[in-house]
């Protein structure tokens, strides 16, 4: 038996709860897709302002960490697939924003 992909609207209604579209479901239940959006504090190894690695308490939302991780992993995969298309990946974080 051949598998045929569902249409976008069929997928949206199948994935939703109570008739919600997929986007509404993702926004309403972010924990199901990326992890907690509530800030928590953990002790992690991080680079400090001197460029050394230090064990520090870090407060962050695990869901935001997951999104950031996914973007970096996708960029690394793209580099592997098409090495000539990318020669650098720069990440800048403006803590003030």
N, C-alpha and C. Protein backbone atom coordinates (compact mmCIF):
# COMPACT_ATOMS: atom_id res chain seq x y z
N UNK A 1 0.84 -1.18 0.00
CA UNK A 1 0.00 0.00 0.00
C UNK A 1 0.88 1.24 0.00
N UNK A 2 0.59 2.17 -0.87
CA UNK A 2 1.39 3.38 -1.00
C UNK A 2 0.91 4.44 -0.03
N UNK A 3 1.87 5.13 0.59
CA UNK A 3 1.54 6.19 1.54
C UNK A 3 1.47 7.51 0.79
N UNK A 4 0.37 8.23 0.96
CA UNK A 4 0.28 9.55 0.35
C UNK A 4 0.32 10.60 1.44
N UNK A 5 1.11 11.66 1.24
CA UNK A 5 1.20 12.69 2.28
C UNK A 5 -0.13 13.41 2.46
N UNK A 6 -0.42 13.78 3.70
CA UNK A 6 -1.65 14.51 3.99
C UNK A 6 -1.52 15.94 3.49
N UNK A 7 -2.63 16.52 3.16
CA UNK A 7 -2.61 17.93 2.79
C UNK A 7 -2.32 18.76 4.03
N UNK A 8 -1.89 19.99 3.82
CA UNK A 8 -1.58 20.88 4.92
C UNK A 8 -2.77 21.08 5.84
N UNK A 9 -3.96 21.29 5.27
CA UNK A 9 -5.14 21.53 6.10
C UNK A 9 -5.53 20.28 6.87
N UNK A 10 -5.35 19.10 6.27
CA UNK A 10 -5.64 17.86 6.98
C UNK A 10 -4.68 17.69 8.14
N UNK A 11 -3.41 18.03 7.91
CA UNK A 11 -2.40 17.94 8.97
C UNK A 11 -2.72 18.92 10.08
N UNK A 12 -3.11 20.15 9.71
CA UNK A 12 -3.44 21.15 10.71
C UNK A 12 -4.57 20.69 11.62
N UNK A 13 -5.65 20.17 11.04
CA UNK A 13 -6.78 19.78 11.87
C UNK A 13 -6.48 18.50 12.64
N UNK A 14 -5.67 17.61 12.08
CA UNK A 14 -5.33 16.38 12.78
C UNK A 14 -4.42 16.67 13.96
N UNK A 15 -3.54 17.65 13.83
CA UNK A 15 -2.59 17.95 14.90
C UNK A 15 -3.19 18.83 15.97
N UNK A 16 -4.25 19.54 15.65
CA UNK A 16 -4.82 20.49 16.59
C UNK A 16 -5.68 19.82 17.64
N UNK A 17 -5.95 20.55 18.70
CA UNK A 17 -6.87 20.10 19.73
C UNK A 17 -8.08 21.00 19.67
N UNK A 18 -9.26 20.40 19.67
CA UNK A 18 -10.48 21.19 19.65
C UNK A 18 -10.62 22.02 18.39
N UNK A 19 -10.11 21.53 17.26
CA UNK A 19 -10.27 22.24 16.00
C UNK A 19 -9.24 23.33 15.76
N UNK A 20 -8.28 23.51 16.65
CA UNK A 20 -7.27 24.55 16.44
C UNK A 20 -6.37 24.20 15.26
N UNK A 21 -5.90 25.19 14.58
CA UNK A 21 -4.92 24.98 13.53
C UNK A 21 -3.59 24.62 14.19
N UNK A 22 -2.68 24.06 13.41
CA UNK A 22 -1.39 23.63 13.94
C UNK A 22 -0.65 24.79 14.61
N UNK A 23 -0.63 25.96 13.99
CA UNK A 23 0.07 27.10 14.59
C UNK A 23 -0.53 27.45 15.95
N UNK A 24 -1.84 27.46 16.04
CA UNK A 24 -2.49 27.74 17.32
C UNK A 24 -2.10 26.69 18.36
N UNK A 25 -1.99 25.45 17.92
CA UNK A 25 -1.61 24.38 18.83
C UNK A 25 -0.18 24.55 19.32
N UNK A 26 0.73 24.88 18.40
CA UNK A 26 2.14 25.09 18.78
C UNK A 26 2.24 26.25 19.75
N UNK A 27 1.55 27.35 19.46
CA UNK A 27 1.60 28.51 20.35
C UNK A 27 0.93 28.23 21.69
N UNK A 28 -0.11 27.43 21.68
CA UNK A 28 -0.83 27.13 22.91
C UNK A 28 -0.16 26.09 23.79
N UNK A 29 0.63 25.20 23.15
CA UNK A 29 1.28 24.11 23.89
C UNK A 29 2.75 24.01 23.50
N UNK A 30 3.55 25.05 23.76
CA UNK A 30 4.95 25.03 23.32
C UNK A 30 5.76 23.90 23.95
N UNK A 31 5.41 23.48 25.16
CA UNK A 31 6.15 22.40 25.82
C UNK A 31 6.14 21.12 24.98
N UNK A 32 5.07 20.90 24.23
CA UNK A 32 4.96 19.68 23.42
C UNK A 32 5.91 19.69 22.24
N UNK A 33 6.38 20.87 21.83
CA UNK A 33 7.21 20.98 20.64
C UNK A 33 8.66 21.33 20.93
N UNK A 34 8.93 22.15 21.94
CA UNK A 34 10.31 22.59 22.14
C UNK A 34 10.78 22.57 23.58
N UNK A 35 9.93 22.30 24.50
CA UNK A 35 10.33 22.28 25.90
C UNK A 35 9.75 23.47 26.65
N UNK A 36 10.11 23.57 27.88
CA UNK A 36 9.54 24.60 28.75
C UNK A 36 9.91 26.00 28.28
N UNK A 37 8.95 26.91 28.38
CA UNK A 37 9.22 28.31 28.08
C UNK A 37 9.38 29.12 29.37
N UNK A 38 9.32 28.42 30.49
CA UNK A 38 9.52 29.06 31.80
C UNK A 38 11.01 29.09 32.13
N UNK A 39 11.48 30.23 32.61
CA UNK A 39 12.89 30.35 32.97
C UNK A 39 13.20 29.48 34.18
N UNK A 40 14.38 28.91 34.15
CA UNK A 40 14.88 28.12 35.27
C UNK A 40 16.37 28.37 35.40
N UNK A 41 16.95 27.98 36.52
CA UNK A 41 18.38 28.18 36.75
C UNK A 41 19.06 26.84 36.90
N UNK A 42 20.15 26.67 36.15
CA UNK A 42 20.97 25.46 36.23
C UNK A 42 22.42 25.87 36.27
N UNK A 43 23.26 25.02 36.84
CA UNK A 43 24.69 25.26 36.83
C UNK A 43 25.28 24.57 35.61
N UNK A 44 25.91 25.37 34.74
CA UNK A 44 26.43 24.88 33.47
C UNK A 44 27.86 25.37 33.26
N UNK A 45 28.57 24.68 32.37
CA UNK A 45 29.88 25.15 31.93
C UNK A 45 29.65 26.17 30.83
N UNK A 46 30.16 27.38 31.02
CA UNK A 46 29.97 28.46 30.05
C UNK A 46 31.29 29.21 29.84
N UNK A 47 31.39 29.86 28.68
CA UNK A 47 32.52 30.76 28.45
C UNK A 47 32.24 32.05 29.21
N UNK A 48 33.25 32.54 29.93
CA UNK A 48 33.05 33.80 30.64
C UNK A 48 33.64 34.95 29.83
N UNK A 49 33.57 36.15 30.40
CA UNK A 49 34.02 37.34 29.69
C UNK A 49 35.52 37.36 29.40
N UNK A 50 36.31 36.52 30.07
CA UNK A 50 37.75 36.43 29.81
C UNK A 50 38.08 35.38 28.75
N UNK A 51 37.06 34.69 28.25
CA UNK A 51 37.29 33.66 27.24
C UNK A 51 37.67 32.32 27.83
N UNK A 52 37.48 32.14 29.12
CA UNK A 52 37.75 30.86 29.76
C UNK A 52 36.42 30.17 30.08
N UNK A 53 36.51 28.89 30.37
CA UNK A 53 35.31 28.12 30.71
C UNK A 53 35.14 28.13 32.22
N UNK A 54 33.92 28.43 32.66
CA UNK A 54 33.64 28.50 34.09
C UNK A 54 32.32 27.79 34.38
N UNK A 55 32.20 27.25 35.59
CA UNK A 55 30.99 26.59 36.05
C UNK A 55 30.15 27.66 36.74
N UNK A 56 29.00 28.01 36.13
CA UNK A 56 28.19 29.11 36.65
C UNK A 56 26.71 28.79 36.63
N UNK A 57 25.99 29.48 37.50
CA UNK A 57 24.53 29.39 37.48
C UNK A 57 24.02 30.22 36.31
N UNK A 58 23.18 29.62 35.48
CA UNK A 58 22.64 30.29 34.30
C UNK A 58 21.12 30.21 34.35
N UNK A 59 20.46 31.34 34.17
CA UNK A 59 19.00 31.38 34.13
C UNK A 59 18.58 31.54 32.68
N UNK A 60 17.76 30.61 32.21
CA UNK A 60 17.34 30.62 30.81
C UNK A 60 16.07 29.80 30.65
N UNK A 61 15.42 29.97 29.50
CA UNK A 61 14.24 29.17 29.15
C UNK A 61 14.70 28.01 28.27
N UNK A 62 14.53 26.76 28.70
CA UNK A 62 14.98 25.62 27.89
C UNK A 62 14.42 25.61 26.47
N UNK A 63 13.21 26.11 26.27
CA UNK A 63 12.64 26.16 24.92
C UNK A 63 13.43 27.08 24.01
N UNK A 64 13.88 28.21 24.52
CA UNK A 64 14.70 29.13 23.73
C UNK A 64 16.04 28.48 23.40
N UNK A 65 16.61 27.76 24.35
CA UNK A 65 17.86 27.03 24.12
C UNK A 65 17.67 26.01 22.99
N UNK A 66 16.54 25.32 22.99
CA UNK A 66 16.26 24.32 21.96
C UNK A 66 16.16 24.96 20.58
N UNK A 67 15.51 26.12 20.48
CA UNK A 67 15.41 26.82 19.20
C UNK A 67 16.80 27.22 18.71
N UNK A 68 17.60 27.79 19.59
CA UNK A 68 18.96 28.21 19.25
C UNK A 68 19.78 27.01 18.78
N UNK A 69 19.70 25.91 19.51
CA UNK A 69 20.41 24.69 19.15
C UNK A 69 19.98 24.19 17.77
N UNK A 70 18.69 24.21 17.50
CA UNK A 70 18.17 23.73 16.22
C UNK A 70 18.70 24.56 15.05
N UNK A 71 18.76 25.88 15.22
CA UNK A 71 19.28 26.76 14.17
C UNK A 71 20.74 26.44 13.90
N UNK A 72 21.55 26.26 14.95
CA UNK A 72 22.97 25.96 14.76
C UNK A 72 23.18 24.58 14.12
N UNK A 73 22.42 23.60 14.54
CA UNK A 73 22.53 22.25 13.96
C UNK A 73 22.14 22.28 12.48
N UNK A 74 21.07 23.00 12.15
CA UNK A 74 20.67 23.11 10.74
C UNK A 74 21.74 23.80 9.91
N UNK A 75 22.37 24.84 10.46
CA UNK A 75 23.44 25.53 9.74
C UNK A 75 24.62 24.59 9.51
N UNK A 76 24.98 23.81 10.52
CA UNK A 76 26.08 22.85 10.37
C UNK A 76 25.74 21.79 9.32
N UNK A 77 24.50 21.32 9.30
CA UNK A 77 24.07 20.34 8.29
C UNK A 77 24.16 20.93 6.88
N UNK A 78 23.73 22.18 6.73
CA UNK A 78 23.80 22.83 5.43
C UNK A 78 25.25 22.98 4.97
N UNK A 79 26.15 23.29 5.88
CA UNK A 79 27.58 23.40 5.54
C UNK A 79 28.10 22.05 5.06
N UNK A 80 27.70 20.99 5.72
CA UNK A 80 28.15 19.65 5.35
C UNK A 80 27.63 19.26 3.96
N UNK A 81 26.39 19.64 3.66
CA UNK A 81 25.80 19.30 2.36
C UNK A 81 26.37 20.14 1.22
N UNK A 82 26.68 21.40 1.49
CA UNK A 82 27.18 22.31 0.45
C UNK A 82 28.33 23.14 1.00
N UNK A 83 29.52 22.54 1.13
CA UNK A 83 30.65 23.23 1.77
C UNK A 83 31.01 24.57 1.14
N UNK A 84 30.89 24.70 -0.17
CA UNK A 84 31.28 25.94 -0.83
C UNK A 84 30.28 27.08 -0.59
N UNK A 85 29.09 26.75 -0.18
CA UNK A 85 28.04 27.77 -0.01
C UNK A 85 28.19 28.58 1.27
N UNK A 86 29.00 28.10 2.21
CA UNK A 86 29.13 28.81 3.48
C UNK A 86 30.57 28.71 3.95
N UNK A 87 31.18 29.85 4.26
CA UNK A 87 32.55 29.80 4.75
C UNK A 87 32.67 30.20 6.22
N UNK A 88 31.58 30.70 6.80
CA UNK A 88 31.61 31.07 8.22
C UNK A 88 30.19 31.10 8.77
N UNK A 89 30.11 30.91 10.07
CA UNK A 89 28.85 31.06 10.79
C UNK A 89 29.15 31.94 11.99
N UNK A 90 28.54 33.09 12.02
CA UNK A 90 28.77 34.02 13.13
C UNK A 90 27.50 34.14 13.96
N UNK A 91 27.68 34.10 15.26
CA UNK A 91 26.55 34.25 16.18
C UNK A 91 26.87 35.42 17.10
N UNK A 92 25.99 36.39 17.12
CA UNK A 92 26.14 37.52 18.02
C UNK A 92 24.92 37.59 18.91
N UNK A 93 25.16 37.77 20.19
CA UNK A 93 24.05 37.88 21.15
C UNK A 93 24.17 39.22 21.85
N UNK A 94 23.15 40.03 21.72
CA UNK A 94 23.12 41.33 22.38
C UNK A 94 22.32 41.15 23.67
N UNK A 95 23.03 41.05 24.77
CA UNK A 95 22.39 40.80 26.06
C UNK A 95 21.45 41.93 26.44
N UNK A 96 21.74 43.14 26.01
CA UNK A 96 20.89 44.29 26.34
C UNK A 96 19.51 44.17 25.72
N UNK A 97 19.42 43.52 24.57
CA UNK A 97 18.12 43.37 23.93
C UNK A 97 17.49 42.16 24.48
